[in-house]
């Protein structure tokens, strides 16, 4: 029994149902993994948004990079914009793994 359609056509109706069910299961698993990654990134971002010193305290492995971002933020960001440079950097940091994991999942599929 074939596992994929041949030239876009199935050998029988039962195979059509089986293939569609398999595709939905894969989609639902992938979607739930992506959703979990996005949720985790959002929680991380929201926890440390506008709080670089809290991030530095909770993640000492990032201390040097955080200090550099704080320095740039204080030098280049107008006071009314607050921590905008830091928050942009934090957003990229938080969602970096989401995009990396998505690319990895796509490569595993192929």
PDB file of N, CA and C in Angstrom:
ATOM      1  N   UNK A   1       0.845  -1.188   0.000  1.00  0.00           N
ATOM      2  CA  UNK A   1       0.000   0.000   0.000  1.00  0.00           C
ATOM      3  C   UNK A   1       0.884   1.243   0.000  1.00  0.00           C
ATOM      4  N   UNK A   2       0.564   2.177  -0.819  1.00  0.00           N
ATOM      5  CA  UNK A   2       1.336   3.410  -0.920  1.00  0.00           C
ATOM      6  C   UNK A   2       1.024   4.326   0.264  1.00  0.00           C
ATOM      7  N   UNK A   3       2.005   5.146   0.629  1.00  0.00           N
ATOM      8  CA  UNK A   3       1.765   6.078   1.730  1.00  0.00           C
ATOM      9  C   UNK A   3       1.513   7.493   1.240  1.00  0.00           C
ATOM     10  N   UNK A   4       1.794   7.770  -0.027  1.00  0.00           N
ATOM     11  CA  UNK A   4       1.560   9.101  -0.588  1.00  0.00           C
ATOM     12  C   UNK A   4       0.785   8.959  -1.888  1.00  0.00           C
ATOM     13  N   UNK A   5       0.041   9.994  -2.250  1.00  0.00           N
ATOM     14  CA  UNK A   5      -0.703   9.916  -3.495  1.00  0.00           C
ATOM     15  C   UNK A   5       0.238   9.859  -4.703  1.00  0.00           C
ATOM     16  N   UNK A   6      -0.150   9.106  -5.713  1.00  0.00           N
ATOM     17  CA  UNK A   6       0.619   8.995  -6.946  1.00  0.00           C
ATOM     18  C   UNK A   6       0.068   9.992  -7.947  1.00  0.00           C
ATOM     19  N   UNK A   7       0.901  10.956  -8.322  1.00  0.00           N
ATOM     20  CA  UNK A   7       0.472  12.004  -9.249  1.00  0.00           C
ATOM     21  C   UNK A   7      -0.798  12.701  -8.764  1.00  0.00           C
ATOM     22  N   UNK A   8      -0.911  12.876  -7.466  1.00  0.00           N
ATOM     23  CA  UNK A   8      -2.058  13.582  -6.912  1.00  0.00           C
ATOM     24  C   UNK A   8      -3.317  12.746  -6.799  1.00  0.00           C
ATOM     25  N   UNK A   9      -3.233  11.450  -7.139  1.00  0.00           N
ATOM     26  CA  UNK A   9      -4.420  10.588  -7.075  1.00  0.00           C
ATOM     27  C   UNK A   9      -4.164   9.428  -6.123  1.00  0.00           C
ATOM     28  N   UNK A  10      -5.184   9.013  -5.429  1.00  0.00           N
ATOM     29  CA  UNK A  10      -5.087   7.910  -4.489  1.00  0.00           C
ATOM     30  C   UNK A  10      -5.524   6.626  -5.176  1.00  0.00           C
ATOM     31  N   UNK A  11      -5.000   5.509  -4.681  1.00  0.00           N
ATOM     32  CA  UNK A  11      -5.396   4.223  -5.234  1.00  0.00           C
ATOM     33  C   UNK A  11      -6.835   3.875  -4.889  1.00  0.00           C
ATOM     34  N   UNK A  12      -7.257   4.288  -3.688  1.00  0.00           N
ATOM     35  CA  UNK A  12      -8.621   3.958  -3.277  1.00  0.00           C
ATOM     36  C   UNK A  12      -9.124   4.995  -2.282  1.00  0.00           C
ATOM     37  N   UNK A  13     -10.417   4.981  -2.023  1.00  0.00           N
ATOM     38  CA  UNK A  13     -11.036   5.932  -1.113  1.00  0.00           C
ATOM     39  C   UNK A  13     -10.480   5.789   0.307  1.00  0.00           C
ATOM     40  N   UNK A  14     -10.247   4.566   0.754  1.00  0.00           N
ATOM     41  CA  UNK A  14      -9.722   4.321   2.097  1.00  0.00           C
ATOM     42  C   UNK A  14      -8.350   4.947   2.295  1.00  0.00           C
ATOM     43  N   UNK A  15      -7.541   4.886   1.252  1.00  0.00           N
ATOM     44  CA  UNK A  15      -6.211   5.486   1.345  1.00  0.00           C
ATOM     45  C   UNK A  15      -6.336   7.002   1.462  1.00  0.00           C
ATOM     46  N   UNK A  16      -7.309   7.558   0.757  1.00  0.00           N
ATOM     47  CA  UNK A  16      -7.562   8.990   0.819  1.00  0.00           C
ATOM     48  C   UNK A  16      -7.870   9.396   2.259  1.00  0.00           C
ATOM     49  N   UNK A  17      -8.734   8.660   2.931  1.00  0.00           N
ATOM     50  CA  UNK A  17      -9.083   8.954   4.326  1.00  0.00           C
ATOM     51  C   UNK A  17      -7.868   8.797   5.247  1.00  0.00           C
ATOM     52  N   UNK A  18      -7.107   7.727   5.019  1.00  0.00           N
ATOM     53  CA  UNK A  18      -5.935   7.467   5.857  1.00  0.00           C
ATOM     54  C   UNK A  18      -4.914   8.591   5.700  1.00  0.00           C
ATOM     55  N   UNK A  19      -4.642   8.986   4.446  1.00  0.00           N
ATOM     56  CA  UNK A  19      -3.654  10.032   4.183  1.00  0.00           C
ATOM     57  C   UNK A  19      -4.094  11.359   4.785  1.00  0.00           C
ATOM     58  N   UNK A  20      -5.361  11.714   4.643  1.00  0.00           N
ATOM     59  CA  UNK A  20      -5.875  12.963   5.201  1.00  0.00           C
ATOM     60  C   UNK A  20      -5.768  12.964   6.722  1.00  0.00           C
ATOM     61  N   UNK A  21      -6.082  11.834   7.342  1.00  0.00           N
ATOM     62  CA  UNK A  21      -5.988  11.737   8.806  1.00  0.00           C
ATOM     63  C   UNK A  21      -4.533  11.905   9.259  1.00  0.00           C
ATOM     64  N   UNK A  22      -3.599  11.267   8.546  1.00  0.00           N
ATOM     65  CA  UNK A  22      -2.186  11.382   8.876  1.00  0.00           C
ATOM     66  C   UNK A  22      -1.711  12.827   8.729  1.00  0.00           C
ATOM     67  N   UNK A  23      -2.113  13.489   7.652  1.00  0.00           N
ATOM     68  CA  UNK A  23      -1.722  14.883   7.425  1.00  0.00           C
ATOM     69  C   UNK A  23      -2.249  15.782   8.533  1.00  0.00           C
ATOM     70  N   UNK A  24      -3.484  15.567   8.966  1.00  0.00           N
ATOM     71  CA  UNK A  24      -4.060  16.375  10.049  1.00  0.00           C
ATOM     72  C   UNK A  24      -3.324  16.150  11.362  1.00  0.00           C
ATOM     73  N   UNK A  25      -2.941  14.899  11.640  1.00  0.00           N
ATOM     74  CA  UNK A  25      -2.195  14.614  12.867  1.00  0.00           C
ATOM     75  C   UNK A  25      -0.850  15.324  12.856  1.00  0.00           C
ATOM     76  N   UNK A  26      -0.146  15.264  11.729  1.00  0.00           N
ATOM     77  CA  UNK A  26       1.143  15.947  11.626  1.00  0.00           C
ATOM     78  C   UNK A  26       0.976  17.445  11.804  1.00  0.00           C
ATOM     79  N   UNK A  27      -0.037  18.017  11.149  1.00  0.00           N
ATOM     80  CA  UNK A  27      -0.279  19.451  11.245  1.00  0.00           C
ATOM     81  C   UNK A  27      -0.581  19.846  12.679  1.00  0.00           C
ATOM     82  N   UNK A  28      -1.416  19.057  13.350  1.00  0.00           N
ATOM     83  CA  UNK A  28      -1.790  19.393  14.713  1.00  0.00           C
ATOM     84  C   UNK A  28      -0.591  19.282  15.659  1.00  0.00           C
ATOM     85  N   UNK A  29       0.278  18.293  15.456  1.00  0.00           N
ATOM     86  CA  UNK A  29       1.480  18.164  16.282  1.00  0.00           C
ATOM     87  C   UNK A  29       2.422  19.332  16.042  1.00  0.00           C
ATOM     88  N   UNK A  30       2.670  19.661  14.785  1.00  0.00           N
ATOM     89  CA  UNK A  30       3.549  20.777  14.455  1.00  0.00           C
ATOM     90  C   UNK A  30       2.986  22.084  14.995  1.00  0.00           C
ATOM     91  N   UNK A  31       1.692  22.285  14.820  1.00  0.00           N
ATOM     92  CA  UNK A  31       1.063  23.525  15.280  1.00  0.00           C
ATOM     93  C   UNK A  31       1.158  23.648  16.796  1.00  0.00           C
ATOM     94  N   UNK A  32       0.955  22.554  17.516  1.00  0.00           N
ATOM     95  CA  UNK A  32       1.015  22.632  18.977  1.00  0.00           C
ATOM     96  C   UNK A  32       2.446  22.902  19.444  1.00  0.00           C
ATOM     97  N   UNK A  33       3.452  22.342  18.730  1.00  0.00           N
ATOM     98  CA  UNK A  33       4.844  22.617  19.089  1.00  0.00           C
ATOM     99  C   UNK A  33       5.180  24.089  18.853  1.00  0.00           C
ATOM    100  N   UNK A  34       4.755  24.621  17.721  1.00  0.00           N
ATOM    101  CA  UNK A  34       5.010  26.025  17.404  1.00  0.00           C
ATOM    102  C   UNK A  34       4.299  26.920  18.414  1.00  0.00           C
ATOM    103  N   UNK A  35       3.056  26.588  18.723  1.00  0.00           N
ATOM    104  CA  UNK A  35       2.292  27.370  19.683  1.00  0.00           C
ATOM    105  C   UNK A  35       2.965  27.383  21.045  1.00  0.00           C
ATOM    106  N   UNK A  36       3.483  26.249  21.468  1.00  0.00           N
ATOM    107  CA  UNK A  36       4.181  26.168  22.760  1.00  0.00           C
ATOM    108  C   UNK A  36       5.449  27.029  22.742  1.00  0.00           C
ATOM    109  N   UNK A  37       6.193  26.999  21.631  1.00  0.00           N
ATOM    110  CA  UNK A  37       7.398  27.829  21.506  1.00  0.00           C
ATOM    111  C   UNK A  37       7.054  29.319  21.561  1.00  0.00           C
ATOM    112  N   UNK A  38       5.997  29.704  20.862  1.00  0.00           N
ATOM    113  CA  UNK A  38       5.580  31.112  20.834  1.00  0.00           C
ATOM    114  C   UNK A  38       5.117  31.547  22.218  1.00  0.00           C
ATOM    115  N   UNK A  39       4.359  30.695  22.890  1.00  0.00           N
ATOM    116  CA  UNK A  39       3.878  31.019  24.233  1.00  0.00           C
ATOM    117  C   UNK A  39       5.054  31.231  25.193  1.00  0.00           C
ATOM    118  N   UNK A  40       6.030  30.360  25.114  1.00  0.00           N
ATOM    119  CA  UNK A  40       7.204  30.469  25.977  1.00  0.00           C
ATOM    120  C   UNK A  40       7.977  31.766  25.681  1.00  0.00           C
ATOM    121  N   UNK A  41       8.142  32.085  24.405  1.00  0.00           N
ATOM    122  CA  UNK A  41       8.853  33.313  24.025  1.00  0.00           C
ATOM    123  C   UNK A  41       8.095  34.548  24.515  1.00  0.00           C
ATOM    124  N   UNK A  42       6.785  34.542  24.395  1.00  0.00           N
ATOM    125  CA  UNK A  42       5.975  35.678  24.867  1.00  0.00           C
ATOM    126  C   UNK A  42       6.117  35.866  26.373  1.00  0.00           C
ATOM    127  N   UNK A  43       6.060  34.773  27.111  1.00  0.00           N
ATOM    128  CA  UNK A  43       6.190  34.858  28.564  1.00  0.00           C
ATOM    129  C   UNK A  43       7.559  35.418  28.957  1.00  0.00           C
ATOM    130  N   UNK A  44       8.606  34.952  28.274  1.00  0.00           N
ATOM    131  CA  UNK A  44       9.958  35.454  28.545  1.00  0.00           C
ATOM    132  C   UNK A  44      10.034  36.939  28.247  1.00  0.00           C
ATOM    133  N   UNK A  45       9.536  37.347  27.085  1.00  0.00           N
ATOM    134  CA  UNK A  45       9.584  38.752  26.686  1.00  0.00           C
ATOM    135  C   UNK A  45       8.814  39.629  27.676  1.00  0.00           C
ATOM    136  N   UNK A  46       7.614  39.226  28.008  1.00  0.00           N
ATOM    137  CA  UNK A  46       6.786  40.038  28.911  1.00  0.00           C
ATOM    138  C   UNK A  46       7.387  40.113  30.317  1.00  0.00           C
ATOM    139  N   UNK A  47       8.044  39.039  30.754  1.00  0.00           N
ATOM    140  CA  UNK A  47       8.643  39.028  32.086  1.00  0.00           C
ATOM    141  C   UNK A  47       9.772  40.062  32.190  1.00  0.00           C
ATOM    142  N   UNK A  48      10.551  40.223  31.120  1.00  0.00           N
ATOM    143  CA  UNK A  48      11.730  41.081  31.183  1.00  0.00           C
ATOM    144  C   UNK A  48      11.610  42.384  30.401  1.00  0.00           C
ATOM    145  N   UNK A  49      10.476  42.635  29.763  1.00  0.00           N
ATOM    146  CA  UNK A  49      10.283  43.880  29.028  1.00  0.00           C
ATOM    147  C   UNK A  49      10.424  45.061  29.997  1.00  0.00           C
ATOM    148  N   UNK A  50      11.252  46.029  29.635  1.00  0.00           N
ATOM    149  CA  UNK A  50      11.534  47.216  30.449  1.00  0.00           C
ATOM    150  C   UNK A  50      12.250  46.894  31.761  1.00  0.00           C
ATOM    151  N   UNK A  51      12.779  45.682  31.906  1.00  0.00           N
ATOM    152  CA  UNK A  51      13.460  45.288  33.146  1.00  0.00           C
ATOM    153  C   UNK A  51      14.804  44.618  32.851  1.00  0.00           C
ATOM    154  N   UNK A  52      15.759  45.374  32.308  1.00  0.00           N
ATOM    155  CA  UNK A  52      17.044  44.749  31.967  1.00  0.00           C
ATOM    156  C   UNK A  52      17.830  44.261  33.185  1.00  0.00           C
ATOM    157  N   UNK A  53      17.683  44.928  34.306  1.00  0.00           N
ATOM    158  CA  UNK A  53      18.445  44.521  35.486  1.00  0.00           C
ATOM    159  C   UNK A  53      17.890  43.228  36.083  1.00  0.00           C
ATOM    160  N   UNK A  54      16.595  43.031  35.955  1.00  0.00           N
ATOM    161  CA  UNK A  54      15.993  41.765  36.392  1.00  0.00           C
ATOM    162  C   UNK A  54      16.484  40.630  35.494  1.00  0.00           C
ATOM    163  N   UNK A  55      16.547  40.874  34.173  1.00  0.00           N
ATOM    164  CA  UNK A  55      17.060  39.862  33.249  1.00  0.00           C
ATOM    165  C   UNK A  55      18.509  39.520  33.575  1.00  0.00           C
ATOM    166  N   UNK A  56      19.296  40.541  33.848  1.00  0.00           N
ATOM    167  CA  UNK A  56      20.712  40.339  34.193  1.00  0.00           C
ATOM    168  C   UNK A  56      20.851  39.503  35.465  1.00  0.00           C
ATOM    169  N   UNK A  57      19.993  39.776  36.429  1.00  0.00           N
ATOM    170  CA  UNK A  57      20.028  39.029  37.699  1.00  0.00           C
ATOM    171  C   UNK A  57      19.608  37.572  37.491  1.00  0.00           C
ATOM    172  N   UNK A  58      18.551  37.354  36.712  1.00  0.00           N
ATOM    173  CA  UNK A  58      18.025  36.005  36.505  1.00  0.00           C
ATOM    174  C   UNK A  58      18.847  35.185  35.509  1.00  0.00           C
ATOM    175  N   UNK A  59      19.577  35.866  34.615  1.00  0.00           N
ATOM    176  CA  UNK A  59      20.365  35.176  33.585  1.00  0.00           C
ATOM    177  C   UNK A  59      21.770  35.766  33.523  1.00  0.00           C
ATOM    178  N   UNK A  60      22.595  35.432  34.513  1.00  0.00           N
ATOM    179  CA  UNK A  60      23.943  36.004  34.571  1.00  0.00           C
ATOM    180  C   UNK A  60      24.806  35.645  33.354  1.00  0.00           C
ATOM    181  N   UNK A  61      24.454  34.583  32.648  1.00  0.00           N
ATOM    182  CA  UNK A  61      25.223  34.215  31.451  1.00  0.00           C
ATOM    183  C   UNK A  61      25.088  35.263  30.336  1.00  0.00           C
ATOM    184  N   UNK A  62      24.078  36.114  30.447  1.00  0.00           N
ATOM    185  CA  UNK A  62      23.862  37.187  29.464  1.00  0.00           C
ATOM    186  C   UNK A  62      24.358  38.548  29.959  1.00  0.00           C
ATOM    187  N   UNK A  63      25.006  38.584  31.114  1.00  0.00           N
ATOM    188  CA  UNK A  63      25.352  39.847  31.776  1.00  0.00           C
ATOM    189  C   UNK A  63      26.140  40.809  30.891  1.00  0.00           C
ATOM    190  N   UNK A  64      27.169  40.333  30.224  1.00  0.00           N
ATOM    191  CA  UNK A  64      27.988  41.226  29.399  1.00  0.00           C
ATOM    192  C   UNK A  64      27.179  41.810  28.251  1.00  0.00           C
ATOM    193  N   UNK A  65      26.418  40.961  27.599  1.00  0.00           N
ATOM    194  CA  UNK A  65      25.597  41.424  26.474  1.00  0.00           C
ATOM    195  C   UNK A  65      24.528  42.413  26.942  1.00  0.00           C
ATOM    196  N   UNK A  66      23.933  42.142  28.091  1.00  0.00           N
ATOM    197  CA  UNK A  66      22.908  43.045  28.645  1.00  0.00           C
ATOM    198  C   UNK A  66      23.523  44.394  28.978  1.00  0.00           C
ATOM    199  N   UNK A  67      24.700  44.394  29.588  1.00  0.00           N
ATOM    200  CA  UNK A  67      25.376  45.657  29.919  1.00  0.00           C
ATOM    201  C   UNK A  67      25.621  46.489  28.668  1.00  0.00           C
ATOM    202  N   UNK A  68      26.043  45.833  27.596  1.00  0.00           N
ATOM    203  CA  UNK A  68      26.284  46.540  26.331  1.00  0.00           C
ATOM    204  C   UNK A  68      24.981  47.134  25.789  1.00  0.00           C
ATOM    205  N   UNK A  69      23.897  46.366  25.859  1.00  0.00           N
ATOM    206  CA  UNK A  69      22.589  46.839  25.375  1.00  0.00           C
ATOM    207  C   UNK A  69      22.097  47.993  26.243  1.00  0.00           C
ATOM    208  N   UNK A  70      22.274  47.904  27.552  1.00  0.00           N
ATOM    209  CA  UNK A  70      21.874  48.991  28.457  1.00  0.00           C
ATOM    210  C   UNK A  70      22.654  50.260  28.116  1.00  0.00           C
ATOM    211  N   UNK A  71      23.952  50.109  27.904  1.00  0.00           N
ATOM    212  CA  UNK A  71      24.793  51.259  27.571  1.00  0.00           C
ATOM    213  C   UNK A  71      24.319  51.926  26.277  1.00  0.00           C
ATOM    214  N   UNK A  72      24.086  51.124  25.244  1.00  0.00           N
ATOM    215  CA  UNK A  72      23.604  51.661  23.963  1.00  0.00           C
ATOM    216  C   UNK A  72      22.237  52.314  24.130  1.00  0.00           C
ATOM    217  N   UNK A  73      21.372  51.665  24.892  1.00  0.00           N
ATOM    218  CA  UNK A  73      20.024  52.204  25.110  1.00  0.00           C
ATOM    219  C   UNK A  73      20.087  53.571  25.768  1.00  0.00           C
ATOM    220  N   UNK A  74      20.881  53.685  26.815  1.00  0.00           N
ATOM    221  CA  UNK A  74      20.985  54.947  27.539  1.00  0.00           C
ATOM    222  C   UNK A  74      21.642  56.047  26.706  1.00  0.00           C
ATOM    223  N   UNK A  75      22.557  55.670  25.815  1.00  0.00           N
ATOM    224  CA  UNK A  75      23.252  56.657  24.982  1.00  0.00           C
ATOM    225  C   UNK A  75      22.422  57.108  23.782  1.00  0.00           C
ATOM    226  N   UNK A  76      21.649  56.218  23.218  1.00  0.00           N
ATOM    227  CA  UNK A  76      21.005  56.512  21.932  1.00  0.00           C
ATOM    228  C   UNK A  76      19.493  56.720  21.988  1.00  0.00           C
ATOM    229  N   UNK A  77      18.848  56.250  23.014  1.00  0.00           N
ATOM    230  CA  UNK A  77      17.394  56.320  23.071  1.00  0.00           C
ATOM    231  C   UNK A  77      16.936  57.577  23.791  1.00  0.00           C
ATOM    232  N   UNK A  78      16.085  58.369  23.148  1.00  0.00           N
ATOM    233  CA  UNK A  78      15.533  59.540  23.854  1.00  0.00           C
ATOM    234  C   UNK A  78      14.788  59.093  25.117  1.00  0.00           C
ATOM    235  N   UNK A  79      14.817  59.934  26.119  1.00  0.00           N
ATOM    236  CA  UNK A  79      14.235  59.577  27.415  1.00  0.00           C
ATOM    237  C   UNK A  79      12.761  59.175  27.309  1.00  0.00           C
ATOM    238  N   UNK A  80      12.012  59.854  26.437  1.00  0.00           N
ATOM    239  CA  UNK A  80      10.577  59.536  26.322  1.00  0.00           C
ATOM    240  C   UNK A  80      10.320  58.161  25.694  1.00  0.00           C
ATOM    241  N   UNK A  81      11.338  57.604  25.008  1.00  0.00           N
ATOM    242  CA  UNK A  81      11.182  56.265  24.428  1.00  0.00           C
ATOM    243  C   UNK A  81      11.533  55.161  25.418  1.00  0.00           C
ATOM    244  N   UNK A  82      12.036  55.530  26.558  1.00  0.00           N
ATOM    245  CA  UNK A  82      12.343  54.557  27.600  1.00  0.00           C
ATOM    246  C   UNK A  82      13.337  53.503  27.151  1.00  0.00           C
ATOM    247  N   UNK A  83      12.949  52.256  27.271  1.00  0.00           N
ATOM    248  CA  UNK A  83      13.819  51.126  26.982  1.00  0.00           C
ATOM    249  C   UNK A  83      13.580  50.547  25.595  1.00  0.00           C
ATOM    250  N   UNK A  84      13.232  51.360  24.612  1.00  0.00           N
ATOM    251  CA  UNK A  84      12.845  50.834  23.295  1.00  0.00           C
ATOM    252  C   UNK A  84      13.958  50.016  22.622  1.00  0.00           C
ATOM    253  N   UNK A  85      15.203  50.471  22.681  1.00  0.00           N
ATOM    254  CA  UNK A  85      16.301  49.707  22.070  1.00  0.00           C
ATOM    255  C   UNK A  85      16.475  48.368  22.784  1.00  0.00           C
ATOM    256  N   UNK A  86      16.465  48.400  24.106  1.00  0.00           N
ATOM    257  CA  UNK A  86      16.574  47.168  24.898  1.00  0.00           C
ATOM    258  C   UNK A  86      15.416  46.231  24.588  1.00  0.00           C
ATOM    259  N   UNK A  87      14.201  46.758  24.535  1.00  0.00           N
ATOM    260  CA  UNK A  87      13.030  45.909  24.278  1.00  0.00           C
ATOM    261  C   UNK A  87      13.086  45.265  22.895  1.00  0.00           C
ATOM    262  N   UNK A  88      13.595  45.999  21.921  1.00  0.00           N
ATOM    263  CA  UNK A  88      13.747  45.423  20.571  1.00  0.00           C
ATOM    264  C   UNK A  88      14.776  44.290  20.604  1.00  0.00           C
ATOM    265  N   UNK A  89      15.882  44.497  21.287  1.00  0.00           N
ATOM    266  CA  UNK A  89      16.903  43.461  21.432  1.00  0.00           C
ATOM    267  C   UNK A  89      16.323  42.250  22.167  1.00  0.00           C
ATOM    268  N   UNK A  90      15.568  42.502  23.225  1.00  0.00           N
ATOM    269  CA  UNK A  90      14.953  41.429  24.007  1.00  0.00           C
ATOM    270  C   UNK A  90      13.974  40.621  23.165  1.00  0.00           C
ATOM    271  N   UNK A  91      13.189  41.302  22.335  1.00  0.00           N
ATOM    272  CA  UNK A  91      12.235  40.614  21.463  1.00  0.00           C
ATOM    273  C   UNK A  91      12.974  39.650  20.535  1.00  0.00           C
ATOM    274  N   UNK A  92      14.049  40.120  19.928  1.00  0.00           N
ATOM    275  CA  UNK A  92      14.834  39.262  19.031  1.00  0.00           C
ATOM    276  C   UNK A  92      15.422  38.078  19.790  1.00  0.00           C
ATOM    277  N   UNK A  93      15.891  38.328  21.000  1.00  0.00           N
ATOM    278  CA  UNK A  93      16.442  37.258  21.825  1.00  0.00           C
ATOM    279  C   UNK A  93      15.364  36.230  22.176  1.00  0.00           C
ATOM    280  N   UNK A  94      14.199  36.717  22.575  1.00  0.00           N
ATOM    281  CA  UNK A  94      13.120  35.823  23.008  1.00  0.00           C
ATOM    282  C   UNK A  94      12.614  34.947  21.876  1.00  0.00           C
ATOM    283  N   UNK A  95      12.502  35.506  20.678  1.00  0.00           N
ATOM    284  CA  UNK A  95      11.900  34.767  19.572  1.00  0.00           C
ATOM    285  C   UNK A  95      12.920  34.097  18.664  1.00  0.00           C
ATOM    286  N   UNK A  96      14.207  34.255  18.958  1.00  0.00           N
ATOM    287  CA  UNK A  96      15.256  33.641  18.146  1.00  0.00           C
ATOM    288  C   UNK A  96      15.065  32.126  18.060  1.00  0.00           C
ATOM    289  N   UNK A  97      14.814  31.488  19.181  1.00  0.00           N
ATOM    290  CA  UNK A  97      14.651  30.030  19.197  1.00  0.00           C
ATOM    291  C   UNK A  97      13.371  29.582  18.503  1.00  0.00           C
ATOM    292  N   UNK A  98      12.335  30.404  18.529  1.00  0.00           N
ATOM    293  CA  UNK A  98      11.091  30.046  17.843  1.00  0.00           C
ATOM    294  C   UNK A  98      11.369  29.880  16.358  1.00  0.00           C
ATOM    295  N   UNK A  99      12.064  30.844  15.783  1.00  0.00           N
ATOM    296  CA  UNK A  99      12.357  30.781  14.355  1.00  0.00           C
ATOM    297  C   UNK A  99      13.368  29.690  14.043  1.00  0.00           C
ATOM    298  N   UNK A 100      14.324  29.483  14.932  1.00  0.00           N
ATOM    299  CA  UNK A 100      15.315  28.425  14.732  1.00  0.00           C
ATOM    300  C   UNK A 100      14.623  27.059  14.770  1.00  0.00           C
ATOM    301  N   UNK A 101      13.741  26.862  15.745  1.00  0.00           N
ATOM    302  CA  UNK A 101      13.029  25.585  15.859  1.00  0.00           C
ATOM    303  C   UNK A 101      12.111  25.348  14.671  1.00  0.00           C
ATOM    304  N   UNK A 102      11.480  26.410  14.166  1.00  0.00           N
ATOM    305  CA  UNK A 102      10.595  26.270  13.009  1.00  0.00           C
ATOM    306  C   UNK A 102      11.405  25.848  11.784  1.00  0.00           C
ATOM    307  N   UNK A 103      12.566  26.439  11.593  1.00  0.00           N
ATOM    308  CA  UNK A 103      13.420  26.067  10.466  1.00  0.00           C
ATOM    309  C   UNK A 103      13.884  24.618  10.614  1.00  0.00           C
ATOM    310  N   UNK A 104      14.201  24.225  11.833  1.00  0.00           N
ATOM    311  CA  UNK A 104      14.639  22.856  12.096  1.00  0.00           C
ATOM    312  C   UNK A 104      13.527  21.864  11.785  1.00  0.00           C
ATOM    313  N   UNK A 105      12.290  22.193  12.175  1.00  0.00           N
ATOM    314  CA  UNK A 105      11.147  21.321  11.897  1.00  0.00           C
ATOM    315  C   UNK A 105      10.922  21.189  10.395  1.00  0.00           C
ATOM    316  N   UNK A 106      11.070  22.271   9.672  1.00  0.00           N
ATOM    317  CA  UNK A 106      10.895  22.207   8.217  1.00  0.00           C
ATOM    318  C   UNK A 106      11.953  21.329   7.581  1.00  0.00           C
ATOM    319  N   UNK A 107      13.192  21.426   8.065  1.00  0.00           N
ATOM    320  CA  UNK A 107      14.260  20.608   7.507  1.00  0.00           C
ATOM    321  C   UNK A 107      14.031  19.132   7.815  1.00  0.00           C
ATOM    322  N   UNK A 108      13.517  18.815   9.005  1.00  0.00           N
ATOM    323  CA  UNK A 108      13.252  17.435   9.371  1.00  0.00           C
ATOM    324  C   UNK A 108      12.152  16.821   8.510  1.00  0.00           C
ATOM    325  N   UNK A 109      11.196  17.636   8.084  1.00  0.00           N
ATOM    326  CA  UNK A 109      10.108  17.143   7.241  1.00  0.00           C
ATOM    327  C   UNK A 109      10.607  16.736   5.867  1.00  0.00           C
ATOM    328  N   UNK A 110      11.574  17.511   5.363  1.00  0.00           N
ATOM    329  CA  UNK A 110      12.068  17.245   3.997  1.00  0.00           C
ATOM    330  C   UNK A 110      13.070  16.170   3.963  1.00  0.00           C
TER     331      UNK A 110
END
